Protein backbone atom coordinates (compact mmCIF):
# COMPACT_ATOMS: atom_id res chain seq x y z
CA UNK A 1 0.00 0.00 0.00
CA UNK A 2 2.76 2.40 0.92
CA UNK A 3 5.27 1.11 -1.64
CA UNK A 4 4.62 3.83 -4.26
CA UNK A 5 4.92 6.58 -1.64
CA UNK A 6 8.09 5.05 -0.20
CA UNK A 7 9.55 4.77 -3.71
CA UNK A 8 8.67 8.42 -4.40
CA UNK A 9 10.35 9.55 -1.17
CA UNK A 10 13.45 7.51 -1.97
CA UNK A 11 13.62 9.01 -5.46
CA UNK A 12 13.08 12.46 -3.97
CA UNK A 13 16.02 12.12 -1.61
CA UNK A 14 18.24 11.15 -4.53
CA UNK A 15 16.88 13.56 -7.17
CA UNK A 16 16.17 16.80 -5.31
CA UNK A 17 19.77 18.02 -5.26
CA UNK A 18 20.61 17.29 -8.94
CA UNK A 19 17.26 18.70 -10.10
CA UNK A 20 17.78 21.95 -8.17
CA UNK A 21 21.40 22.15 -9.31
CA UNK A 22 20.16 22.09 -12.90
CA UNK A 23 16.97 24.14 -12.51
CA UNK A 24 18.15 27.15 -10.48
CA UNK A 25 20.86 28.31 -12.93
CA UNK A 26 18.39 27.83 -15.80
CA UNK A 27 15.91 30.05 -13.95
CA UNK A 28 18.59 32.69 -13.40
CA UNK A 29 19.55 32.62 -17.07
CA UNK A 30 15.90 33.00 -18.13
CA UNK A 31 15.47 35.99 -15.81
CA UNK A 32 18.70 37.60 -17.06
CA UNK A 33 17.55 37.31 -20.66
CA UNK A 34 14.13 38.69 -19.72
CA UNK A 35 15.99 41.59 -18.10
CA UNK A 36 17.29 42.61 -21.52
CA UNK A 37 13.73 43.16 -22.74
CA UNK A 38 12.93 45.14 -19.60
CA UNK A 39 16.00 47.34 -20.19
CA UNK A 40 14.96 47.91 -23.81
CA UNK A 41 11.47 49.04 -22.79
CA UNK A 42 12.62 51.27 -19.93
CA UNK A 43 15.37 53.05 -21.87
CA UNK A 44 13.47 53.66 -25.10
CA UNK A 45 10.42 54.72 -23.08
CA UNK A 46 12.48 57.48 -21.45
CA UNK A 47 13.49 58.80 -24.88
CA UNK A 48 10.10 59.00 -26.62
CA UNK A 49 6.76 57.24 -26.93
CA UNK A 50 7.43 56.70 -30.64
CA UNK A 51 10.69 54.85 -29.99
CA UNK A 52 9.02 52.79 -27.28
CA UNK A 53 6.21 51.84 -29.65
CA UNK A 54 8.75 50.96 -32.36
CA UNK A 55 10.67 48.63 -30.04
CA UNK A 56 7.44 47.08 -28.69
CA UNK A 57 6.10 46.36 -32.18
CA UNK A 58 9.49 45.06 -33.33
CA UNK A 59 9.85 42.80 -30.28
CA UNK A 60 6.48 41.21 -31.04
CA UNK A 61 7.99 40.06 -34.35
CA UNK A 62 11.55 38.97 -33.54
CA UNK A 63 11.00 37.37 -30.14
CA UNK A 64 8.63 34.66 -31.48
CA UNK A 65 11.20 33.90 -34.19
CA UNK A 66 13.94 33.55 -31.60
CA UNK A 67 11.76 31.35 -29.39
CA UNK A 68 11.03 29.07 -32.34
CA UNK A 69 14.77 28.75 -32.95
CA UNK A 70 15.38 28.14 -29.24
CA UNK A 71 12.73 25.44 -29.08
CA UNK A 72 14.02 23.69 -32.19
CA UNK A 73 17.58 23.64 -30.85
CA UNK A 74 16.34 22.40 -27.46
CA UNK A 75 15.95 19.09 -29.24
CA UNK A 76 19.71 18.69 -28.80
CA UNK A 77 19.43 18.58 -24.99
CA UNK A 78 17.75 15.15 -24.61
CA UNK A 79 19.98 13.74 -27.37
CA UNK A 80 23.14 14.82 -25.51
CA UNK A 81 21.69 13.83 -22.12
CA UNK A 82 20.96 10.29 -23.31
CA UNK A 83 24.37 9.92 -24.97
CA UNK A 84 26.05 11.18 -21.80
CA UNK A 85 24.03 8.80 -19.64
CA UNK A 86 25.10 5.91 -21.85
CA UNK A 87 28.75 7.14 -21.86
CA UNK A 88 28.66 7.31 -25.66
CA UNK A 89 30.80 10.44 -25.57
CA UNK A 90 32.27 10.11 -29.07
CA UNK A 91 28.77 10.53 -30.55
CA UNK A 92 28.12 13.84 -28.79
CA UNK A 93 30.52 16.00 -30.82
CA UNK A 94 29.06 15.23 -34.30
CA UNK A 95 25.52 15.72 -32.97
CA UNK A 96 26.44 19.14 -31.58
CA UNK A 97 28.10 20.08 -34.88
CA UNK A 98 24.87 19.24 -36.72
CA UNK A 99 22.99 21.47 -34.29
CA UNK A 100 25.42 24.30 -35.04
CA UNK A 101 24.79 23.87 -38.78
CA UNK A 102 21.04 23.98 -38.15
CA UNK A 103 21.46 27.02 -35.90
CA UNK A 104 23.42 28.88 -38.57
CA UNK A 105 20.72 28.22 -41.18
CA UNK A 106 17.92 29.20 -38.78
CA UNK A 107 19.76 32.38 -37.73
CA UNK A 108 20.35 33.50 -41.31
CA UNK A 109 16.75 32.69 -42.28
CA UNK A 110 15.42 34.68 -39.30
CA UNK A 111 17.67 37.62 -40.22
CA UNK A 112 16.40 37.54 -43.81
CA UNK A 113 12.78 37.59 -42.60
CA UNK A 114 13.49 40.60 -40.38
CA UNK A 115 15.20 42.43 -43.23
CA UNK A 116 12.72 41.76 -46.01
CA UNK A 117 9.32 40.65 -44.63
CA UNK A 118 8.38 43.20 -41.97
CA UNK A 119 6.97 46.02 -44.09
CA UNK A 120 3.94 44.03 -45.32
CA UNK A 121 3.24 43.06 -41.70
CA UNK A 122 3.36 46.71 -40.63
CA UNK A 123 0.87 47.57 -43.37
CA UNK A 124 -1.42 44.73 -42.29
CA UNK A 125 -1.19 45.85 -38.65
CA UNK A 126 -1.85 49.48 -39.66
CA UNK A 127 1.25 50.62 -37.76
CA UNK A 128 1.71 54.44 -37.96
CA UNK A 129 4.31 55.45 -40.53
CA UNK A 130 6.88 56.91 -38.12
CA UNK A 131 6.60 53.96 -35.75
CA UNK A 132 6.92 51.54 -38.68
CA UNK A 133 10.02 53.35 -39.97
CA UNK A 134 11.81 53.25 -36.62
CA UNK A 135 10.70 49.69 -35.93
CA UNK A 136 12.06 48.56 -39.32
CA UNK A 137 15.42 50.13 -38.45
CA UNK A 138 15.36 48.45 -35.04
CA UNK A 139 14.62 45.05 -36.59
CA UNK A 140 17.29 45.50 -39.28
CA UNK A 141 19.85 45.93 -36.49
CA UNK A 142 18.51 43.03 -34.42
CA UNK A 143 18.69 40.82 -37.52
CA UNK A 144 22.50 40.94 -37.41
CA UNK A 145 22.32 39.27 -33.99
CA UNK A 146 20.00 36.40 -34.95
CA UNK A 147 22.75 33.98 -36.13
CA UNK A 148 24.61 34.68 -32.88
CA UNK A 149 21.45 34.01 -30.87
CA UNK A 150 20.87 30.69 -32.64
CA UNK A 151 24.46 29.53 -32.21
CA UNK A 152 24.37 30.46 -28.52
CA UNK A 153 21.17 28.47 -28.03
CA UNK A 154 22.72 25.40 -29.70
CA UNK A 155 25.75 25.58 -27.41
CA UNK A 156 23.52 26.18 -24.41
CA UNK A 157 21.44 23.09 -25.28
CA UNK A 158 24.68 21.09 -25.49
CA UNK A 159 25.89 22.40 -22.12
CA UNK A 160 22.50 21.72 -20.46
CA UNK A 161 22.53 18.16 -21.80
CA UNK A 162 26.01 17.71 -20.28
CA UNK A 163 24.51 18.63 -16.86
CA UNK A 164 26.23 22.04 -16.86
CA UNK A 165 23.56 24.74 -16.65
CA UNK A 166 25.56 27.35 -14.72
CA UNK A 167 27.52 28.59 -17.77
CA UNK A 168 24.31 29.78 -19.44
CA UNK A 169 23.50 31.74 -16.27
CA UNK A 170 26.85 33.55 -16.10
CA UNK A 171 26.96 34.18 -19.83
CA UNK A 172 23.38 35.52 -19.82
CA UNK A 173 24.45 37.90 -17.06
CA UNK A 174 27.39 38.98 -19.26
CA UNK A 175 24.91 39.62 -22.07
CA UNK A 176 22.80 41.74 -19.73
CA UNK A 177 25.92 43.63 -18.58
CA UNK A 178 26.71 44.45 -22.21
CA UNK A 179 23.11 45.28 -23.08
CA UNK A 180 22.42 47.91 -20.41
CA UNK A 181 25.34 50.32 -20.99
CA UNK A 182 25.36 49.88 -24.78
CA UNK A 183 21.61 50.53 -24.76
CA UNK A 184 22.11 53.75 -22.85
CA UNK A 185 24.93 55.03 -25.06
CA UNK A 186 23.33 54.11 -28.37
CA UNK A 187 19.75 55.11 -27.50
CA UNK A 188 20.49 58.43 -25.78
CA UNK A 189 23.82 59.37 -27.39
CA UNK A 190 26.05 62.18 -26.17
CA UNK A 191 23.20 64.09 -24.54
CA UNK A 192 22.42 61.14 -22.30
CA UNK A 193 26.07 60.69 -21.33
CA UNK A 194 26.42 64.41 -20.61
CA UNK A 195 23.32 64.33 -18.40
CA UNK A 196 24.82 61.38 -16.54
CA UNK A 197 28.49 62.41 -16.22
CA UNK A 198 28.48 66.20 -16.74
CA UNK A 199 30.08 68.53 -19.27
CA UNK A 200 33.64 67.30 -18.68
CA UNK A 201 33.34 64.59 -21.31
CA UNK A 202 35.36 64.91 -24.56
CA UNK A 203 33.63 66.77 -27.36
CA UNK A 204 33.44 63.70 -29.58
CA UNK A 205 31.61 61.82 -26.83
CA UNK A 206 29.12 64.65 -26.34
CA UNK A 207 28.55 64.69 -30.11
CA UNK A 208 27.46 61.03 -30.28
CA UNK A 209 24.03 60.83 -31.94
CA UNK A 210 20.97 59.54 -30.12
CA UNK A 211 19.89 56.59 -32.27
CA UNK A 212 16.72 55.71 -30.34
CA UNK A 213 15.11 52.46 -31.47
CA UNK A 214 17.92 51.80 -33.96
CA UNK A 215 20.46 52.06 -31.13
CA UNK A 216 18.40 49.63 -29.07
CA UNK A 217 18.55 47.14 -31.95
CA UNK A 218 22.32 47.51 -32.28
CA UNK A 219 22.76 46.98 -28.52
CA UNK A 220 20.62 43.84 -28.71
CA UNK A 221 22.71 42.44 -31.57
CA UNK A 222 25.92 43.21 -29.67
CA UNK A 223 24.58 41.37 -26.61
CA UNK A 224 23.54 38.32 -28.63
CA UNK A 225 26.93 37.99 -30.31
CA UNK A 226 28.73 38.57 -27.00
CA UNK A 227 26.81 35.67 -25.47
CA UNK A 228 27.53 33.48 -28.49
CA UNK A 229 31.27 34.15 -28.47
CA UNK A 230 31.51 33.80 -24.68
CA UNK A 231 29.73 30.43 -24.81
CA UNK A 232 31.98 29.24 -27.65
CA UNK A 233 35.09 30.27 -25.71
CA UNK A 234 33.85 28.63 -22.52
CA UNK A 235 32.97 25.32 -24.17
CA UNK A 236 36.38 25.32 -25.84
CA UNK A 237 38.41 25.89 -22.67
CA UNK A 238 36.40 24.46 -19.77
CA UNK A 239 37.56 21.09 -18.49
CA UNK A 240 33.96 19.94 -18.07
CA UNK A 241 33.69 19.39 -21.83
CA UNK A 242 37.20 18.04 -22.42
CA UNK A 243 36.10 14.44 -23.01
CA UNK A 244 33.84 15.57 -25.85
CA UNK A 245 36.57 17.54 -27.74
CA UNK A 246 33.83 19.72 -29.18
CA UNK A 247 36.02 22.10 -31.18
CA UNK A 248 38.24 19.49 -32.83
CA UNK A 249 37.69 17.94 -36.28
CA UNK A 250 34.61 19.81 -37.56
CA UNK A 251 31.89 17.46 -38.78
CA UNK A 252 30.28 18.31 -42.14
CA UNK A 253 26.48 18.28 -42.40
CA UNK A 254 25.02 14.79 -41.98
CA UNK A 255 21.42 14.53 -43.10
CA UNK A 256 20.58 11.60 -40.81
CA UNK A 257 21.74 13.41 -37.65
CA UNK A 258 20.12 16.67 -38.75
CA UNK A 259 16.89 14.77 -39.41
CA UNK A 260 17.00 13.26 -35.92
CA UNK A 261 17.55 16.68 -34.35
CA UNK A 262 14.72 18.24 -36.33
CA UNK A 263 12.47 15.27 -35.55
CA UNK A 264 12.90 16.01 -31.85
CA UNK A 265 13.36 19.79 -31.97
CA UNK A 266 10.91 21.20 -34.53
CA UNK A 267 7.81 20.07 -32.57
CA UNK A 268 9.27 21.81 -29.50
CA UNK A 269 9.83 24.99 -31.50
CA UNK A 270 6.32 24.87 -32.97
CA UNK A 271 4.78 24.27 -29.52
CA UNK A 272 6.60 27.26 -28.04
CA UNK A 273 5.72 29.42 -31.05
CA UNK A 274 2.05 28.43 -30.73
CA UNK A 275 2.07 29.32 -27.04
CA UNK A 276 3.66 32.73 -27.64
CA UNK A 277 1.35 33.63 -30.52
CA UNK A 278 -1.66 32.56 -28.43
CA UNK A 279 -1.01 35.41 -25.99
CA UNK A 280 -0.37 37.80 -28.89
CA UNK A 281 -3.75 36.93 -30.44
CA UNK A 282 -5.53 37.31 -27.08
CA UNK A 283 -3.95 40.76 -26.67
CA UNK A 284 -5.26 41.75 -30.11
CA UNK A 285 -8.75 40.40 -29.38
CA UNK A 286 -9.14 42.31 -26.12
CA UNK A 287 -7.80 45.55 -27.62
CA UNK A 288 -11.37 46.63 -28.38
CA UNK A 289 -12.36 46.31 -24.71
CA UNK A 290 -10.64 49.56 -23.76
CA UNK A 291 -7.32 50.79 -22.47
CA UNK A 292 -8.02 49.88 -18.84
CA UNK A 293 -8.72 46.27 -19.80
CA UNK A 294 -5.65 46.08 -22.03
CA UNK A 295 -3.43 47.60 -19.35
CA UNK A 296 -4.76 45.27 -16.63
CA UNK A 297 -4.30 42.23 -18.87
CA UNK A 298 -0.69 43.17 -19.64
CA UNK A 299 0.15 43.84 -15.99
CA UNK A 300 -1.31 40.52 -14.80
CA UNK A 301 0.28 38.59 -17.67
CA UNK A 302 3.71 40.15 -17.15
CA UNK A 303 3.66 39.44 -13.42
CA UNK A 304 2.54 35.82 -13.74
CA UNK A 305 5.00 35.23 -16.60
CA UNK A 306 7.89 36.03 -14.25
CA UNK A 307 6.69 33.38 -11.78
CA UNK A 308 6.34 30.89 -14.66
CA UNK A 309 10.16 30.85 -14.88
CA UNK A 310 10.21 28.49 -11.86
CA UNK A 311 8.17 25.61 -13.33
CA UNK A 312 9.72 26.21 -16.77
CA UNK A 313 13.23 25.83 -15.36
CA UNK A 314 12.24 22.68 -13.48
CA UNK A 315 10.83 21.32 -16.75
CA UNK A 316 14.10 21.88 -18.59
CA UNK A 317 16.03 20.23 -15.75
CA UNK A 318 13.63 17.28 -15.80
CA UNK A 319 14.32 16.75 -19.51
CA UNK A 320 18.02 16.35 -18.69
CA UNK A 321 17.51 14.02 -15.72
CA UNK A 322 15.07 11.74 -17.56
CA UNK A 323 17.35 11.70 -20.62
CA UNK A 324 20.42 10.85 -18.53
CA UNK A 325 18.63 7.98 -16.82
CA UNK A 326 17.29 6.56 -20.07
CA UNK A 327 20.76 6.77 -21.58
CA UNK A 328 22.01 4.62 -18.70
CA UNK A 329 19.57 1.91 -19.81
CA UNK A 330 17.36 2.27 -16.70
CA UNK A 331 13.83 3.03 -18.01
CA UNK A 332 12.13 1.94 -14.77
CA UNK A 333 14.21 4.45 -12.82
CA UNK A 334 13.53 7.10 -15.49
CA UNK A 335 9.83 6.62 -14.79
CA UNK A 336 10.45 7.22 -11.09
CA UNK A 337 12.49 10.35 -11.88
CA UNK A 338 9.67 11.67 -14.07
CA UNK A 339 7.11 10.94 -11.34
CA UNK A 340 9.16 12.78 -8.75
CA UNK A 341 9.60 15.72 -11.13
CA UNK A 342 5.83 15.96 -11.58
CA UNK A 343 5.36 15.84 -7.79
CA UNK A 344 7.94 18.63 -7.46
CA UNK A 345 6.03 20.67 -10.05
CA UNK A 346 2.95 20.50 -7.79
CA UNK A 347 5.00 21.96 -4.93
CA UNK A 348 6.25 24.73 -7.22
CA UNK A 349 2.65 25.48 -8.25
CA UNK A 350 1.60 25.79 -4.61
CA UNK A 351 4.57 28.09 -3.96
CA UNK A 352 3.62 30.29 -6.92
CA UNK A 353 0.00 30.46 -5.80
CA UNK A 354 1.10 31.51 -2.31
CA UNK A 355 3.39 34.18 -3.79
CA UNK A 356 0.51 35.52 -5.89
CA UNK A 357 -1.80 35.58 -2.88
CA UNK A 358 0.57 37.51 -0.63
CA UNK A 359 2.25 39.82 -3.15
CA UNK A 360 -0.36 40.58 -5.81
CA UNK A 361 -1.56 43.92 -4.43
CA UNK A 362 1.83 45.56 -3.71
CA UNK A 363 3.38 44.26 -6.95
CA UNK A 364 0.48 45.47 -9.10
CA UNK A 365 0.79 48.87 -7.39
CA UNK A 366 4.38 49.04 -8.68
CA UNK A 367 3.12 48.63 -12.25
CA UNK A 368 0.38 51.29 -12.15
CA UNK A 369 -1.21 53.90 -9.90
CA UNK A 370 -4.55 53.72 -11.75
CA UNK A 371 -7.09 52.28 -9.28
CA UNK A 372 -9.33 50.83 -12.01
CA UNK A 373 -6.40 49.03 -13.64
CA UNK A 374 -5.25 47.74 -10.25
CA UNK A 375 -8.67 46.29 -9.40
CA UNK A 376 -9.07 44.54 -12.75
CA UNK A 377 -5.48 43.25 -12.74
CA UNK A 378 -5.98 41.85 -9.23
CA UNK A 379 -9.06 39.93 -10.33
CA UNK A 380 -7.06 38.43 -13.23
CA UNK A 381 -4.21 37.46 -10.92
CA UNK A 382 -6.73 35.61 -8.73
CA UNK A 383 -7.70 33.60 -11.82
CA UNK A 384 -4.00 33.02 -12.47
CA UNK A 385 -3.74 31.43 -9.02
CA UNK A 386 -6.23 28.80 -10.17
CA UNK A 387 -4.25 27.75 -13.23
CA UNK A 388 -0.86 27.60 -11.48
CA UNK A 389 -1.34 23.88 -10.84
CA UNK A 390 -2.34 22.94 -14.39
CA UNK A 391 0.29 25.26 -15.90
CA UNK A 392 3.12 23.84 -13.78
CA UNK A 393 1.93 20.29 -14.46
CA UNK A 394 1.63 20.66 -18.22
CA UNK A 395 5.07 22.26 -18.69
CA UNK A 396 6.79 19.61 -16.54
CA UNK A 397 4.91 16.73 -18.14
CA UNK A 398 6.13 18.11 -21.46
CA UNK A 399 9.67 18.33 -20.04
CA UNK A 400 9.59 14.68 -18.98
CA UNK A 401 8.27 13.62 -22.39
CA UNK A 402 11.10 15.53 -24.06
CA UNK A 403 13.49 13.40 -22.03
CA UNK A 404 11.95 10.44 -23.89
CA UNK A 405 12.35 12.39 -27.17
CA UNK A 406 8.57 12.19 -27.51
CA UNK A 407 7.89 15.71 -28.78
CA UNK A 408 5.41 15.47 -31.66
CA UNK A 409 2.53 14.62 -29.32
CA UNK A 410 3.39 17.71 -27.23
CA UNK A 411 2.98 19.86 -30.34
CA UNK A 412 -0.39 18.31 -31.21
CA UNK A 413 -1.70 18.55 -27.65
CA UNK A 414 -0.51 22.16 -27.42
CA UNK A 415 -2.28 23.08 -30.66
CA UNK A 416 -5.55 21.45 -29.61
CA UNK A 417 -5.55 22.56 -25.97
CA UNK A 418 -4.35 26.12 -26.41
CA UNK A 419 -6.17 27.08 -29.58
CA UNK A 420 -9.37 25.00 -29.58
CA UNK A 421 -10.02 25.01 -25.84
CA UNK A 422 -8.02 27.99 -24.57
CA UNK A 423 -8.45 30.57 -27.32
CA UNK A 424 -11.72 29.51 -28.96
CA UNK A 425 -13.36 28.70 -25.62
CA UNK A 426 -12.06 31.88 -24.03
CA UNK A 427 -13.24 34.01 -26.96
CA UNK A 428 -16.69 32.44 -26.74
CA UNK A 429 -16.93 33.08 -22.99
CA UNK A 430 -15.54 36.59 -23.39
CA UNK A 431 -17.89 37.68 -26.16
CA UNK A 432 -20.98 35.45 -25.80
CA UNK A 433 -21.01 33.96 -22.32
CA UNK A 434 -22.28 30.43 -21.71
CA UNK A 435 -25.62 29.10 -22.95
CA UNK A 436 -27.50 32.21 -21.86
CA UNK A 437 -26.77 31.36 -18.21
CA UNK A 438 -23.54 33.37 -17.94
CA UNK A 439 -23.28 36.82 -19.51
CA UNK A 440 -20.29 37.68 -21.73
CA UNK A 441 -17.30 37.74 -19.37
CA UNK A 442 -14.99 40.11 -21.26
CA UNK A 443 -11.31 39.70 -20.45
CA UNK A 444 -12.16 37.29 -17.63
CA UNK A 445 -13.58 34.90 -20.22
CA UNK A 446 -10.23 34.70 -21.98
CA UNK A 447 -8.46 33.89 -18.71
CA UNK A 448 -11.05 31.22 -17.87
CA UNK A 449 -10.35 29.82 -21.34
CA UNK A 450 -6.65 29.68 -20.44
CA UNK A 451 -7.52 27.70 -17.31
CA UNK A 452 -9.48 25.24 -19.43
CA UNK A 453 -6.78 24.94 -22.09
CA UNK A 454 -3.97 24.38 -19.60
CA UNK A 455 -6.03 21.82 -17.68
CA UNK A 456 -6.81 19.83 -20.82
CA UNK A 457 -3.14 19.96 -21.82
CA UNK A 458 -2.07 18.69 -18.39
CA UNK A 459 -4.55 15.79 -18.51
CA UNK A 460 -3.58 14.72 -22.04
CA UNK A 461 0.16 15.04 -21.43
CA UNK A 462 -0.18 13.14 -18.15
CA UNK A 463 -1.85 10.22 -19.91
CA UNK A 464 0.79 10.27 -22.66
CA UNK A 465 3.63 10.21 -20.13
CA UNK A 466 1.96 7.37 -18.21
CA UNK A 467 1.77 5.25 -21.36
CA UNK A 468 5.23 6.05 -22.69
CA UNK A 469 7.02 5.60 -19.37
CA UNK A 470 5.21 2.33 -18.68
CA UNK A 471 5.96 1.00 -22.16
CA UNK A 472 9.63 1.98 -21.84
CA UNK A 473 9.89 0.31 -18.44
CA UNK A 474 8.37 -2.87 -19.89
CA UNK A 475 10.68 -2.77 -22.92
CA UNK A 476 7.89 -2.33 -25.49
CA UNK A 477 8.92 1.23 -26.40
CA UNK A 478 12.39 2.30 -27.47
CA UNK A 479 13.13 5.04 -24.97
CA UNK A 480 16.12 6.25 -26.97
CA UNK A 481 13.80 7.44 -29.69
CA UNK A 482 14.71 4.85 -32.34
CA UNK A 483 11.46 3.32 -33.60
């Protein structure tokens, strides 16, 4: 009767430390990279509303592209984790090289899209001419950094799979340290430096032009390439990767290995892209409900998104731990690791709900002084407390499945749950109510739809993980992803 609980506690004693050792640096790295976006918004906002709008519009285009690249390259993590677990170290280097080839192609393709495809989108979005002009300049500068971003993400996925997540934290902090001062100099120019340091600066410094949104784009590209080069240098020199000999004997493109990476990674990239665009579409749909509603929605979403870093980081760590254990040829233990990770995700959800309960009012007050916005945002945060459990469960169930290299089902479940249940159901509740019994719920309807979508995703992913882990433990499913 108590055997499952005893097994879970035993696994917990063994897995808590390695899971936290992986998850906490990942969380720090995610927060550092989010800090770059915060710095962009704050610094351009102090220059002009037009530059702020240009950066905001531009970010809504390039960030989904980068997240798609990141998700696709995350497919390398379970591959490396399983090879490491099986001590098949000689196979890691060529797999990483294929990921670098894929990253280079993705980065160049993303840059080309940002250079040549944004103007039609601006016309479709009816972006004001001056905002569109500055946003196009901002995106043209960011485009130069996209190959660097993709290469960094490939190297980060390799490092994570090798059980070394701290380098991505420190290098993300380096990127933030480059981003903030370069942002200030390039956005505000000599006038900003003079206001900060006084008139004693050399004349050529005081004459530096204020580039606004364009300067913000250049600073972003500089940060992305700095992170890329720092990660390349670290993986070349650090002893932790010495057995892999990553930077020796470059491997030319191998279609079979690239196909395996894309088989695992593209569904991850699509799932992340779908999730990001879901919130973009919701923001567009509620735009007609008024500025107070839009502002409250953005405040509540931004606040809860920060807390989501905790379960997301645990999910990424769980992918590594499950992959390592499967690579060791221990599928029964991998099932126990996955089960413990899901139990840990419940604890994280309860922690997040408690944080929302105790901090919602003072944190929302930091975002806005408008009482109407505060009240509406608080009501949305209370709804967010409800979906913390399903949100934490679904992202960690997906993380465990990625450890099994079972990613296509995640993409399909994400599409169905988020768009059919979450978006369509939320739009119906928001605009029409429910069967004449409940009046149209406005923005609350969309958030109730999110609760429904996340809950359905958690249930479906839970059943998928139960089947896959059981089949792997019984030997009727190839847990290394070879069908």
